[in-house]
Protein backbone atom coordinates (compact mmCIF):
# COMPACT_ATOMS: atom_id res chain seq x y z
CA MET A 1 -45.47 -28.38 14.01
CA SER A 2 -44.00 -27.22 11.44
CA PRO A 3 -42.39 -29.30 8.82
CA SER A 4 -38.12 -29.91 8.36
CA VAL A 5 -36.19 -28.49 4.86
CA LEU A 6 -32.82 -29.99 5.18
CA PHE A 7 -30.40 -27.85 2.10
CA VAL A 8 -27.66 -29.04 1.51
CA LEU A 9 -24.42 -27.15 0.15
CA THR A 10 -21.07 -28.21 -1.07
CA SER A 11 -18.20 -28.69 0.71
CA VAL A 12 -16.03 -28.30 -2.38
CA ASP A 13 -14.58 -25.07 -3.18
CA THR A 14 -11.74 -25.66 -5.72
CA THR A 15 -12.78 -26.53 -9.31
CA LEU A 16 -11.58 -29.19 -11.96
CA THR A 17 -8.87 -26.56 -12.86
CA GLY A 18 -8.41 -24.46 -10.11
CA GLY A 19 -10.52 -22.01 -10.09
CA ASN A 20 -13.02 -20.90 -7.12
CA THR A 21 -16.25 -22.33 -6.22
CA GLY A 22 -18.38 -23.10 -3.38
CA TRP A 23 -22.09 -22.47 -2.50
CA TYR A 24 -24.02 -19.86 -5.12
CA LEU A 25 -24.84 -17.35 -2.29
CA PRO A 26 -28.77 -16.10 -3.87
CA GLU A 27 -28.92 -19.83 -3.98
CA ALA A 28 -29.41 -20.70 -0.72
CA ALA A 29 -30.43 -17.28 0.79
CA HIS A 30 -33.32 -16.86 -2.12
CA PRO A 31 -35.30 -20.08 -0.83
CA TYR A 32 -33.65 -19.29 2.89
CA TYR A 33 -35.91 -16.09 3.16
CA ILE A 34 -39.13 -17.34 1.82
CA LEU A 35 -39.50 -20.95 3.57
CA ALA A 36 -37.46 -19.64 7.07
CA PRO A 37 -40.68 -17.96 8.19
CA HIS A 38 -43.31 -21.35 7.77
CA ALA A 39 -40.97 -24.34 8.12
CA SER A 40 -37.14 -25.64 10.32
CA ILE A 41 -34.20 -25.63 8.33
CA ASP A 42 -31.06 -27.32 8.49
CA PHE A 43 -27.24 -26.97 6.55
CA ALA A 44 -25.92 -30.23 5.97
CA ALA A 45 -22.11 -30.87 3.69
CA PRO A 46 -19.50 -34.10 3.23
CA LYS A 47 -17.39 -32.07 5.93
CA GLY A 48 -19.91 -30.90 8.03
CA PRO A 49 -19.51 -27.03 9.06
CA ASN A 50 -18.62 -23.92 7.42
CA PRO A 51 -19.41 -25.05 4.20
CA PRO A 52 -17.16 -22.63 1.60
CA VAL A 53 -19.38 -20.00 -0.21
CA ASP A 54 -18.73 -18.77 -3.63
CA GLN A 55 -16.61 -16.02 -3.55
CA TYR A 56 -18.12 -15.17 -7.12
CA SER A 57 -21.65 -15.07 -5.51
CA VAL A 58 -20.40 -13.19 -3.35
CA GLU A 59 -19.40 -10.38 -5.18
CA ASN A 60 -21.97 -10.20 -7.47
CA TYR A 61 -25.40 -10.47 -5.91
CA LYS A 62 -26.11 -7.59 -3.13
CA ASP A 63 -29.51 -8.10 -3.55
CA ASP A 64 -31.19 -7.54 -0.36
CA GLU A 65 -31.89 -11.41 0.82
CA SER A 66 -28.08 -12.09 -0.12
CA VAL A 67 -26.49 -10.02 2.00
CA LYS A 68 -28.32 -10.46 4.43
CA PHE A 69 -28.09 -14.30 3.99
CA LEU A 70 -23.94 -13.29 4.58
CA GLN A 71 -24.75 -11.40 7.83
CA ASP A 72 -27.67 -13.17 10.00
CA PRO A 73 -26.73 -14.57 13.23
CA ILE A 74 -28.94 -16.99 12.68
CA VAL A 75 -27.45 -18.46 9.33
CA LYS A 76 -24.08 -17.91 10.49
CA ASP A 77 -25.05 -20.46 13.48
CA LYS A 78 -26.82 -22.67 11.17
CA LEU A 79 -23.32 -22.80 8.83
CA ALA A 80 -21.59 -23.03 11.36
CA ASN A 81 -22.68 -26.26 13.41
CA ALA A 82 -23.58 -27.55 9.38
CA LYS A 83 -24.50 -31.28 9.56
CA VAL A 84 -22.34 -33.70 8.56
CA LEU A 85 -23.70 -35.48 5.48
CA SER A 86 -23.63 -38.99 6.33
CA GLU A 87 -24.92 -38.26 9.63
CA VAL A 88 -27.71 -37.15 8.46
CA LYS A 89 -31.47 -39.25 8.60
CA ALA A 90 -34.05 -38.91 5.90
CA SER A 91 -36.82 -39.88 8.21
CA ASP A 92 -35.84 -36.40 10.02
CA TYR A 93 -37.26 -34.11 7.14
CA ASP A 94 -39.64 -33.13 5.03
CA ALA A 95 -37.90 -31.97 2.17
CA ILE A 96 -34.70 -31.25 1.06
CA PHE A 97 -32.79 -29.02 -1.08
CA TYR A 98 -29.66 -28.97 -2.93
CA ALA A 99 -27.73 -24.91 -3.83
CA GLY A 100 -26.18 -24.95 -6.80
CA GLY A 101 -22.23 -23.29 -7.40
CA HIS A 102 -20.43 -26.05 -9.00
CA GLY A 103 -19.16 -27.22 -6.47
CA PRO A 104 -22.22 -30.84 -6.53
CA VAL A 105 -20.70 -31.46 -9.62
CA ILE A 106 -17.41 -32.14 -8.19
CA ASP A 107 -18.95 -33.85 -5.01
CA LEU A 108 -22.03 -34.84 -4.51
CA ALA A 109 -22.68 -36.03 -7.63
CA SER A 110 -20.53 -38.93 -6.69
CA LEU A 111 -21.00 -39.22 -2.79
CA PRO A 112 -22.46 -42.62 -1.85
CA GLU A 113 -23.67 -41.67 1.13
CA ASN A 114 -25.21 -38.32 -0.34
CA ILE A 115 -26.27 -40.80 -3.72
CA LYS A 116 -28.34 -43.30 -0.65
CA LEU A 117 -29.73 -40.01 1.11
CA VAL A 118 -31.34 -38.62 -1.97
CA SER A 119 -32.59 -42.13 -2.99
CA GLU A 120 -34.72 -42.68 0.31
CA PHE A 121 -36.35 -38.96 0.22
CA PHE A 122 -37.31 -39.93 -3.06
CA GLN A 123 -38.80 -43.51 -2.43
CA SER A 124 -40.19 -41.76 0.43
CA GLY A 125 -42.02 -39.68 -1.65
CA LYS A 126 -40.75 -35.93 -0.05
CA ILE A 127 -39.61 -33.08 -1.35
CA THR A 128 -36.43 -33.84 -3.53
CA SER A 129 -35.11 -30.54 -5.19
CA ALA A 130 -32.52 -28.42 -6.46
CA VAL A 131 -31.24 -25.28 -8.42
CA CYS A 132 -28.03 -24.92 -11.17
CA HIS A 133 -25.95 -27.00 -11.05
CA GLY A 134 -27.71 -28.69 -7.66
CA PRO A 135 -29.50 -31.02 -9.63
CA ALA A 136 -25.92 -32.84 -10.37
CA ALA A 137 -26.56 -33.51 -6.65
CA LEU A 138 -29.70 -36.05 -7.52
CA VAL A 139 -27.98 -37.69 -10.55
CA GLY A 140 -26.52 -40.94 -9.21
CA ALA A 141 -30.35 -41.75 -6.94
CA THR A 142 -32.72 -44.59 -8.10
CA ASP A 143 -36.70 -44.48 -7.41
CA SER A 144 -37.67 -48.00 -5.57
CA SER A 145 -36.99 -50.47 -8.81
CA GLY A 146 -33.40 -49.30 -9.20
CA ALA A 147 -33.94 -46.73 -11.97
CA SER A 148 -33.00 -43.05 -11.81
CA ILE A 149 -35.40 -40.69 -10.29
CA PHE A 150 -35.22 -38.98 -13.85
CA LYS A 151 -36.09 -41.28 -15.79
CA GLY A 152 -39.26 -40.26 -17.35
CA LYS A 153 -39.03 -36.54 -15.67
CA THR A 154 -39.52 -33.42 -16.54
CA PHE A 155 -36.17 -31.29 -14.63
CA THR A 156 -34.61 -28.16 -15.96
CA GLY A 157 -31.22 -26.67 -14.43
CA PHE A 158 -27.86 -25.22 -15.18
CA SER A 159 -28.30 -25.66 -19.53
CA ASN A 160 -25.61 -26.17 -22.27
CA GLU A 161 -26.19 -22.88 -23.54
CA GLU A 162 -25.31 -21.04 -19.94
CA GLU A 163 -22.05 -23.17 -19.61
CA GLU A 164 -21.01 -21.98 -22.95
CA LEU A 165 -21.72 -18.41 -21.72
CA PHE A 166 -20.20 -18.92 -18.54
CA GLN A 167 -17.15 -20.75 -20.19
CA LYS A 168 -16.99 -23.43 -16.79
CA ALA A 169 -17.77 -26.73 -18.51
CA LYS A 170 -13.38 -27.50 -18.29
CA GLU A 171 -14.09 -26.74 -14.94
CA ILE A 172 -16.61 -29.75 -14.03
CA PRO A 173 -16.62 -33.70 -14.26
CA PHE A 174 -19.75 -33.38 -16.50
CA LEU A 175 -22.53 -31.00 -18.24
CA LEU A 176 -26.07 -31.18 -16.30
CA GLU A 177 -27.86 -31.03 -19.43
CA ASP A 178 -26.79 -33.89 -20.60
CA LYS A 179 -25.75 -36.17 -18.49
CA ILE A 180 -29.32 -36.13 -16.66
CA THR A 181 -30.81 -35.86 -20.21
CA GLU A 182 -28.53 -39.43 -20.69
CA LEU A 183 -30.52 -41.34 -17.39
CA GLY A 184 -33.62 -40.45 -18.99
CA GLY A 185 -34.72 -37.19 -17.98
CA SER A 186 -37.04 -34.51 -20.56
CA PHE A 187 -34.58 -31.01 -20.32
CA VAL A 188 -36.47 -27.77 -20.59
CA LYS A 189 -34.81 -24.69 -20.35
CA ALA A 190 -35.40 -21.05 -20.43
CA PRO A 191 -33.07 -18.80 -22.11
CA PRO A 192 -30.21 -18.07 -20.56
CA GLY A 193 -30.45 -15.91 -17.35
CA GLN A 194 -33.90 -16.24 -17.32
CA ALA A 195 -36.30 -18.69 -14.01
CA LYS A 196 -37.23 -21.31 -15.05
CA VAL A 197 -39.06 -23.96 -12.10
CA VAL A 198 -40.17 -27.51 -13.19
CA VAL A 199 -42.33 -29.61 -10.94
CA ASP A 200 -42.65 -32.65 -11.66
CA GLY A 201 -44.02 -35.41 -9.04
CA ASN A 202 -42.14 -35.16 -5.88
CA LEU A 203 -39.31 -34.05 -8.25
CA ILE A 204 -38.35 -29.77 -7.94
CA THR A 205 -35.19 -27.83 -9.86
CA GLY A 206 -34.78 -24.61 -10.99
CA GLN A 207 -32.43 -23.58 -13.78
CA ASN A 208 -29.81 -21.15 -12.82
CA PRO A 209 -29.80 -18.63 -10.20
CA ALA A 210 -32.49 -16.43 -11.04
CA SER A 211 -34.45 -19.32 -10.52
CA ALA A 212 -33.80 -19.92 -6.54
CA SER A 213 -36.51 -18.36 -5.13
CA GLY A 214 -39.14 -20.01 -7.63
CA VAL A 215 -38.10 -23.08 -6.49
CA GLY A 216 -38.65 -21.92 -2.99
CA GLU A 217 -42.28 -20.92 -3.49
CA ALA A 218 -42.45 -24.32 -5.20
CA ILE A 219 -41.33 -26.20 -1.92
CA LEU A 220 -43.64 -23.49 0.10
CA LYS A 221 -46.47 -25.19 -1.81
CA ALA A 222 -45.66 -28.77 -1.57
CA LEU A 223 -45.30 -28.65 1.70
CA LYS A 224 -49.05 -27.37 2.16
CA VAL A 225 -47.91 -24.91 4.63
């Protein structure tokens, strides 16, 4: 029986300043096509079906996987039938993955049912993974002692330097690098736009869109399929 992976996407389509956001296309597409031949994949979002895609990412990522993802009938069906996050059970999956976009910083970071779900995955020793702004969805999660899952862990994510380059800092509630460092994590990064993937136990994080494929490959390796 193939392993099961849950892809969690944001349900938010606007930033704090009213700008467009949503889940970031290549950050879902690239890991999906690495994992799909080897694993069963479900999509979920706080509000369930048809989570919004970030239009900037659609316009700016025309690579084969990203274009295919939007046209793929199987993917379309999975998005149309995305599970409501509060109805998801960690016991049904072997891994959880959070795609980025600024949305997760706004909804998933503080959502009680998401915090509970991530904590269950992590405490069960299951793969807990995210890319770019996706690690924002993990900030409320705790280990079995009640400490942050980032305490004493090495991680990566969209860096402060990258936020400054995109001039988006005012559109989100917090900066990922600062927030997780405050939680006791050790932040590592590549230069802006370059790929960086960090595996620390069952925690897998990627820095930016360029890291999405690497996160998918790390999840696949950890699933041992």
